[in-house]
Amino acid sequence: MMNVSDPEPSTEDLISSLAHISSHPGHLKRAAEAVQGGCVKRHVFTPSGRVLFTVVGRSGDEFIDPGKPFCSCRHFFFRVLGGRDTTCYHLMGYEMAKETQRFDSIEMHDEEFGTFLRLLASDLLDASRDKEDKDNQKASDSRPR
């Protein structure tokens, strides 16, 4: 665990700390950049102490449950659950943030929990629809006429 007086770890330090999790250098670099950019969010609800984690990624906020492990991103759904990869960069970013105690902590009242979940679910659905629309457009554009 890092002390408050310790300097912020470099991208290389963060990558080497979790190189054993993935051999994909691009994912490790994106995970380190997410940590350094304050994109790994720890949402703490009071007074219950309930904690949720999100990681701001290329497509917006992704919900993660590191205990499962689970991530709402497309890479996790298609590659990880499909057995072609072991994890996504959002979960790697969480592990790096946990190891270095570099979460962006956000405190909210328990009364805001339902609204937070609704907004998060709405953002996830919007991002999914946007990606699906782009994929459909690419497929349409690549068809011979």
C-alpha atoms as a PDB file:
ATOM      1  CA  MET A   1       0.000   0.000   0.000  1.00  0.00           C
ATOM      2  CA  MET A   2       1.282   3.456  -0.840  1.00  0.00           C
ATOM      3  CA  ASN A   3       1.851   6.158   1.713  1.00  0.00           C
ATOM      4  CA  VAL A   4       0.356   9.600   1.040  1.00  0.00           C
ATOM      5  CA  SER A   5       3.871  11.040   0.789  1.00  0.00           C
ATOM      6  CA  ASP A   6       4.901   8.474  -1.841  1.00  0.00           C
ATOM      7  CA  PRO A   7       5.181   9.859  -5.356  1.00  0.00           C
ATOM      8  CA  GLU A   8       2.472   8.908  -7.829  1.00  0.00           C
ATOM      9  CA  PRO A   9       3.515   5.690  -9.564  1.00  0.00           C
ATOM     10  CA  SER A  10       4.508   5.964 -13.202  1.00  0.00           C
ATOM     11  CA  THR A  11       2.613   4.202 -15.947  1.00  0.00           C
ATOM     12  CA  GLU A  12       5.462   1.674 -16.124  1.00  0.00           C
ATOM     13  CA  ASP A  13       5.264   1.018 -12.349  1.00  0.00           C
ATOM     14  CA  LEU A  14       1.522   0.420 -12.549  1.00  0.00           C
ATOM     15  CA  ILE A  15       1.919  -1.862 -15.561  1.00  0.00           C
ATOM     16  CA  SER A  16       4.670  -3.925 -13.966  1.00  0.00           C
ATOM     17  CA  SER A  17       2.615  -4.282 -10.772  1.00  0.00           C
ATOM     18  CA  LEU A  18      -0.046  -6.241 -12.663  1.00  0.00           C
ATOM     19  CA  ALA A  19       1.813  -7.707 -15.624  1.00  0.00           C
ATOM     20  CA  HIS A  20       0.991 -11.165 -14.229  1.00  0.00           C
ATOM     21  CA  ILE A  21      -2.748 -10.575 -14.841  1.00  0.00           C
ATOM     22  CA  SER A  22      -2.553  -9.975 -18.578  1.00  0.00           C
ATOM     23  CA  SER A  23      -0.007 -10.288 -21.326  1.00  0.00           C
ATOM     24  CA  HIS A  24      -1.896  -7.682 -23.356  1.00  0.00           C
ATOM     25  CA  PRO A  25       0.252  -4.520 -23.143  1.00  0.00           C
ATOM     26  CA  GLY A  26      -2.500  -2.295 -24.561  1.00  0.00           C
ATOM     27  CA  HIS A  27      -4.924  -3.281 -21.813  1.00  0.00           C
ATOM     28  CA  LEU A  28      -2.292  -2.779 -19.125  1.00  0.00           C
ATOM     29  CA  LYS A  29      -1.457   0.683 -20.478  1.00  0.00           C
ATOM     30  CA  ARG A  30      -5.141   1.708 -20.637  1.00  0.00           C
ATOM     31  CA  ALA A  31      -5.668   0.427 -17.085  1.00  0.00           C
ATOM     32  CA  ALA A  32      -2.688   2.445 -15.817  1.00  0.00           C
ATOM     33  CA  GLU A  33      -3.933   5.538 -17.643  1.00  0.00           C
ATOM     34  CA  ALA A  34      -7.385   5.086 -16.070  1.00  0.00           C
ATOM     35  CA  VAL A  35      -5.825   5.028 -12.604  1.00  0.00           C
ATOM     36  CA  GLN A  36      -3.613   8.024 -13.272  1.00  0.00           C
ATOM     37  CA  GLY A  37      -6.502   9.939 -14.822  1.00  0.00           C
ATOM     38  CA  GLY A  38      -8.745   9.426 -11.786  1.00  0.00           C
ATOM     39  CA  CYS A  39     -11.142   7.273 -13.810  1.00  0.00           C
ATOM     40  CA  VAL A  40     -11.466   4.463 -11.248  1.00  0.00           C
ATOM     41  CA  LYS A  41     -14.362   5.620  -9.073  1.00  0.00           C
ATOM     42  CA  ARG A  42     -15.300   4.348  -5.634  1.00  0.00           C
ATOM     43  CA  HIS A  43     -18.879   5.419  -4.847  1.00  0.00           C
ATOM     44  CA  VAL A  44     -19.554   5.276  -1.097  1.00  0.00           C
ATOM     45  CA  PHE A  45     -23.111   5.647   0.148  1.00  0.00           C
ATOM     46  CA  THR A  46     -23.698   6.872   3.693  1.00  0.00           C
ATOM     47  CA  PRO A  47     -24.722   6.004   6.283  1.00  0.00           C
ATOM     48  CA  SER A  48     -25.036   2.389   5.013  1.00  0.00           C
ATOM     49  CA  GLY A  49     -21.422   2.159   3.829  1.00  0.00           C
ATOM     50  CA  ARG A  50     -22.529   0.516   0.572  1.00  0.00           C
ATOM     51  CA  VAL A  51     -19.767   0.747  -2.050  1.00  0.00           C
ATOM     52  CA  LEU A  52     -19.986   0.514  -5.832  1.00  0.00           C
ATOM     53  CA  PHE A  53     -17.181   0.861  -8.364  1.00  0.00           C
ATOM     54  CA  THR A  54     -17.198   2.333 -11.841  1.00  0.00           C
ATOM     55  CA  VAL A  55     -14.421   2.968 -14.324  1.00  0.00           C
ATOM     56  CA  VAL A  56     -14.709   5.715 -16.900  1.00  0.00           C
ATOM     57  CA  GLY A  57     -13.698   4.100 -20.159  1.00  0.00           C
ATOM     58  CA  ARG A  58     -13.723   4.890 -23.855  1.00  0.00           C
ATOM     59  CA  SER A  59     -17.482   4.331 -24.042  1.00  0.00           C
ATOM     60  CA  GLY A  60     -18.397   6.046 -20.782  1.00  0.00           C
ATOM     61  CA  ASP A  61     -18.870   4.666 -17.281  1.00  0.00           C
ATOM     62  CA  GLU A  62     -18.577   0.920 -16.831  1.00  0.00           C
ATOM     63  CA  PHE A  63     -19.958  -0.776 -13.725  1.00  0.00           C
ATOM     64  CA  ILE A  64     -17.571  -3.278 -12.199  1.00  0.00           C
ATOM     65  CA  ASP A  65     -17.981  -5.826  -9.441  1.00  0.00           C
ATOM     66  CA  PRO A  66     -14.458  -6.970  -8.660  1.00  0.00           C
ATOM     67  CA  GLY A  67     -15.732  -9.648  -6.266  1.00  0.00           C
ATOM     68  CA  LYS A  68     -17.447 -11.629  -9.045  1.00  0.00           C
ATOM     69  CA  PRO A  69     -15.446 -10.473 -11.203  1.00  0.00           C
ATOM     70  CA  PHE A  70     -17.770  -8.612 -13.575  1.00  0.00           C
ATOM     71  CA  CYS A  71     -17.598  -5.595 -15.867  1.00  0.00           C
ATOM     72  CA  SER A  72     -20.382  -4.114 -17.976  1.00  0.00           C
ATOM     73  CA  CYS A  73     -18.067  -3.473 -20.950  1.00  0.00           C
ATOM     74  CA  ARG A  74     -18.413  -5.221 -24.298  1.00  0.00           C
ATOM     75  CA  HIS A  75     -14.901  -6.684 -24.064  1.00  0.00           C
ATOM     76  CA  PHE A  76     -15.844  -8.485 -20.853  1.00  0.00           C
ATOM     77  CA  PHE A  77     -19.089  -9.778 -22.356  1.00  0.00           C
ATOM     78  CA  PHE A  78     -17.677 -11.003 -25.655  1.00  0.00           C
ATOM     79  CA  ARG A  79     -14.032 -11.804 -24.927  1.00  0.00           C
ATOM     80  CA  VAL A  80     -13.831 -12.686 -21.238  1.00  0.00           C
ATOM     81  CA  LEU A  81     -17.118 -14.570 -20.925  1.00  0.00           C
ATOM     82  CA  GLY A  82     -16.414 -16.082 -24.349  1.00  0.00           C
ATOM     83  CA  GLY A  83     -13.136 -17.527 -23.026  1.00  0.00           C
ATOM     84  CA  ARG A  84     -10.835 -15.575 -25.329  1.00  0.00           C
ATOM     85  CA  ASP A  85      -9.392 -13.294 -22.639  1.00  0.00           C
ATOM     86  CA  THR A  86      -9.006 -13.358 -18.867  1.00  0.00           C
ATOM     87  CA  THR A  87     -10.072  -9.825 -17.941  1.00  0.00           C
ATOM     88  CA  CYS A  88     -10.719  -6.323 -19.253  1.00  0.00           C
ATOM     89  CA  TYR A  89      -8.771  -3.145 -18.658  1.00  0.00           C
ATOM     90  CA  HIS A  90     -11.503  -1.755 -16.380  1.00  0.00           C
ATOM     91  CA  LEU A  91     -10.997  -4.595 -13.885  1.00  0.00           C
ATOM     92  CA  MET A  92      -7.221  -4.267 -14.262  1.00  0.00           C
ATOM     93  CA  GLY A  93      -7.563  -0.564 -13.487  1.00  0.00           C
ATOM     94  CA  TYR A  94      -9.495  -1.434 -10.341  1.00  0.00           C
ATOM     95  CA  GLU A  95      -6.716  -3.811  -9.244  1.00  0.00           C
ATOM     96  CA  MET A  96      -4.076  -1.138  -9.872  1.00  0.00           C
ATOM     97  CA  ALA A  97      -6.112   1.476  -7.986  1.00  0.00           C
ATOM     98  CA  LYS A  98      -6.620  -0.941  -5.097  1.00  0.00           C
ATOM     99  CA  GLU A  99      -2.929  -1.781  -4.931  1.00  0.00           C
ATOM    100  CA  THR A 100      -1.912   1.890  -4.952  1.00  0.00           C
ATOM    101  CA  GLN A 101      -4.974   3.286  -3.085  1.00  0.00           C
ATOM    102  CA  ARG A 102      -5.653   5.660  -5.983  1.00  0.00           C
ATOM    103  CA  PHE A 103      -9.445   5.564  -6.202  1.00  0.00           C
ATOM    104  CA  ASP A 104     -11.427   8.695  -6.942  1.00  0.00           C
ATOM    105  CA  SER A 105     -13.805   8.441  -3.970  1.00  0.00           C
ATOM    106  CA  ILE A 106     -17.253   9.934  -4.264  1.00  0.00           C
ATOM    107  CA  GLU A 107     -19.551  10.081  -1.244  1.00  0.00           C
ATOM    108  CA  MET A 108     -23.314  10.116  -1.651  1.00  0.00           C
ATOM    109  CA  HIS A 109     -26.238   9.764   0.686  1.00  0.00           C
ATOM    110  CA  ASP A 110     -28.174   6.499   0.685  1.00  0.00           C
ATOM    111  CA  GLU A 111     -31.204   8.405  -0.597  1.00  0.00           C
ATOM    112  CA  GLU A 112     -29.287   8.963  -3.856  1.00  0.00           C
ATOM    113  CA  PHE A 113     -28.610   5.244  -4.412  1.00  0.00           C
ATOM    114  CA  GLY A 114     -31.688   4.541  -6.568  1.00  0.00           C
ATOM    115  CA  THR A 115     -31.145   7.615  -8.712  1.00  0.00           C
ATOM    116  CA  PHE A 116     -27.464   6.734  -9.117  1.00  0.00           C
ATOM    117  CA  LEU A 117     -28.327   3.209 -10.276  1.00  0.00           C
ATOM    118  CA  ARG A 118     -30.959   4.485 -12.710  1.00  0.00           C
ATOM    119  CA  LEU A 119     -28.525   6.996 -14.218  1.00  0.00           C
ATOM    120  CA  LEU A 120     -25.751   4.406 -14.435  1.00  0.00           C
ATOM    121  CA  ALA A 121     -28.079   1.882 -16.109  1.00  0.00           C
ATOM    122  CA  SER A 122     -29.300   4.557 -18.520  1.00  0.00           C
ATOM    123  CA  ASP A 123     -25.701   5.494 -19.429  1.00  0.00           C
ATOM    124  CA  LEU A 124     -24.814   1.832 -19.960  1.00  0.00           C
ATOM    125  CA  LEU A 125     -27.815   1.274 -22.228  1.00  0.00           C
ATOM    126  CA  ASP A 126     -27.108   4.459 -24.207  1.00  0.00           C
ATOM    127  CA  ALA A 127     -23.460   3.465 -24.713  1.00  0.00           C
ATOM    128  CA  SER A 128     -24.511  -0.030 -25.785  1.00  0.00           C
ATOM    129  CA  ARG A 129     -27.034   1.343 -28.286  1.00  0.00           C
ATOM    130  CA  ASP A 130     -24.470   3.808 -29.670  1.00  0.00           C
ATOM    131  CA  LYS A 131     -21.948   1.009 -30.171  1.00  0.00           C
ATOM    132  CA  GLU A 132     -24.580  -1.218 -31.764  1.00  0.00           C
ATOM    133  CA  ASP A 133     -25.604   1.602 -34.118  1.00  0.00           C
ATOM    134  CA  LYS A 134     -21.960   2.148 -35.138  1.00  0.00           C
ATOM    135  CA  ASP A 135     -21.460  -1.597 -35.696  1.00  0.00           C
ATOM    136  CA  ASN A 136     -24.615  -1.773 -37.814  1.00  0.00           C
ATOM    137  CA  GLN A 137     -23.482   1.245 -39.849  1.00  0.00           C
ATOM    138  CA  LYS A 138     -20.058  -0.336 -40.462  1.00  0.00           C
ATOM    139  CA  ALA A 139     -21.696  -3.580 -41.576  1.00  0.00           C
ATOM    140  CA  SER A 140     -24.055  -1.674 -43.847  1.00  0.00           C
ATOM    141  CA  ASP A 141     -21.208   0.372 -45.345  1.00  0.00           C
ATOM    142  CA  SER A 142     -19.115  -2.740 -46.043  1.00  0.00           C
ATOM    143  CA  ARG A 143     -21.852  -4.650 -47.927  1.00  0.00           C
ATOM    144  CA  PRO A 144     -21.446  -4.727 -51.683  1.00  0.00           C
ATOM    145  CA  ARG A 145     -24.080  -2.751 -53.532  1.00  0.00           C
END
